[in-house]
Amino acid sequence: MNSTIVEKETKVEPIATKVWVENRTVFIELTDRRTVGFPADRFKILKNATNDELKKVELRLDGYALRWEDLDEDLTVSGIVSGNFQLA
């Protein structure tokens, strides 16, 4: 009798451990040590933010989201890693 073992791929959602802004680029460091950066100008609200407002970003939801309280803007880490940007 032949038996086949099928392994299911477990999808792990990325989690950020650190976030910072340099020259209008937002960077996140992930738990797997990758660093992902994106231009703030790819998002409508962030595009209009001052440099000081951009730098006031915080990690939220245990590293699953970024939050700019003063701008009332939230981005998910999984969306960033997937490249889901608002502006072309």
Protein backbone atom coordinates (compact mmCIF):
# COMPACT_ATOMS: atom_id res chain seq x y z
CA MET A 1 0.00 0.00 0.00
CA ASN A 2 1.35 3.37 -1.01
CA SER A 3 0.78 6.29 1.30
CA THR A 4 1.46 9.86 0.40
CA ILE A 5 2.15 12.54 2.91
CA VAL A 6 0.91 15.93 1.87
CA GLU A 7 2.41 18.87 3.67
CA LYS A 8 0.27 21.94 3.96
CA GLU A 9 2.02 25.23 3.49
CA THR A 10 1.51 27.36 6.55
CA LYS A 11 1.28 31.01 5.71
CA VAL A 12 2.98 33.15 8.31
CA GLU A 13 2.01 36.79 8.41
CA PRO A 14 5.03 39.12 8.59
CA ILE A 15 5.64 40.96 11.85
CA ALA A 16 7.70 44.13 12.24
CA THR A 17 10.10 44.57 15.15
CA LYS A 18 11.27 48.07 14.28
CA VAL A 19 10.11 51.04 12.18
CA TRP A 20 11.91 54.24 11.20
CA VAL A 21 11.89 56.96 8.53
CA GLU A 22 14.85 58.31 6.55
CA ASN A 23 14.55 60.81 3.70
CA ARG A 24 10.79 60.24 3.32
CA THR A 25 11.32 56.48 3.08
CA VAL A 26 9.65 54.29 5.71
CA PHE A 27 11.62 51.21 6.76
CA ILE A 28 10.47 48.20 8.72
CA GLU A 29 12.60 45.40 10.11
CA LEU A 30 10.82 42.05 10.24
CA THR A 31 11.18 39.16 12.68
CA ASP A 32 13.05 37.18 9.99
CA ARG A 33 15.62 40.04 9.86
CA ARG A 34 14.54 41.32 6.45
CA THR A 35 14.32 45.09 6.05
CA VAL A 36 11.64 46.49 3.76
CA GLY A 37 11.47 50.14 2.73
CA PHE A 38 8.92 52.11 0.76
CA PRO A 39 8.54 55.76 -0.27
CA ALA A 40 6.03 57.56 1.92
CA ASP A 41 4.79 59.37 -1.18
CA ARG A 42 3.12 56.13 -2.36
CA PHE A 43 0.31 56.78 0.13
CA LYS A 44 -2.04 59.76 -0.15
CA ILE A 45 -1.98 60.84 3.48
CA LEU A 46 1.74 60.23 3.95
CA LYS A 47 2.55 62.11 0.75
CA ASN A 48 1.12 65.29 2.26
CA ALA A 49 2.79 64.82 5.66
CA THR A 50 5.74 66.86 6.83
CA ASN A 51 9.03 65.11 7.58
CA ASP A 52 8.41 65.55 11.30
CA GLU A 53 4.93 64.01 11.01
CA LEU A 54 6.33 61.02 9.10
CA LYS A 55 8.89 60.32 11.80
CA LYS A 56 6.15 59.95 14.44
CA VAL A 57 5.33 56.42 13.29
CA GLU A 58 4.74 53.64 15.82
CA LEU A 59 4.39 49.88 15.67
CA ARG A 60 0.95 48.70 16.73
CA LEU A 61 -0.92 45.42 17.13
CA ASP A 62 2.23 43.57 18.23
CA GLY A 63 4.09 44.49 15.03
CA TYR A 64 1.31 43.77 12.55
CA ALA A 65 0.59 47.45 11.78
CA LEU A 66 2.11 50.91 11.57
CA ARG A 67 0.32 53.92 13.04
CA TRP A 68 0.71 57.67 12.53
CA GLU A 69 -1.51 59.03 15.30
CA ASP A 70 -1.28 62.71 14.27
CA LEU A 71 -2.18 61.80 10.66
CA ASP A 72 -4.83 59.20 11.61
CA GLU A 73 -3.16 56.73 9.22
CA ASP A 74 -2.65 52.98 9.63
CA LEU A 75 -0.85 50.52 7.36
CA THR A 76 -0.60 46.77 7.75
CA VAL A 77 2.80 45.15 7.66
CA SER A 78 1.48 42.35 5.44
CA GLY A 79 0.21 44.94 2.94
CA ILE A 80 3.58 46.66 2.87
CA VAL A 81 5.47 43.40 2.37
CA SER A 82 3.02 42.42 -0.39
CA GLY A 83 3.60 45.75 -2.14
CA ASN A 84 0.04 47.04 -1.82
CA PHE A 85 0.47 50.74 -2.46
CA GLN A 86 -2.27 53.31 -3.13
CA LEU A 87 -0.59 55.52 -5.71
CA ALA A 88 0.82 54.41 -9.03
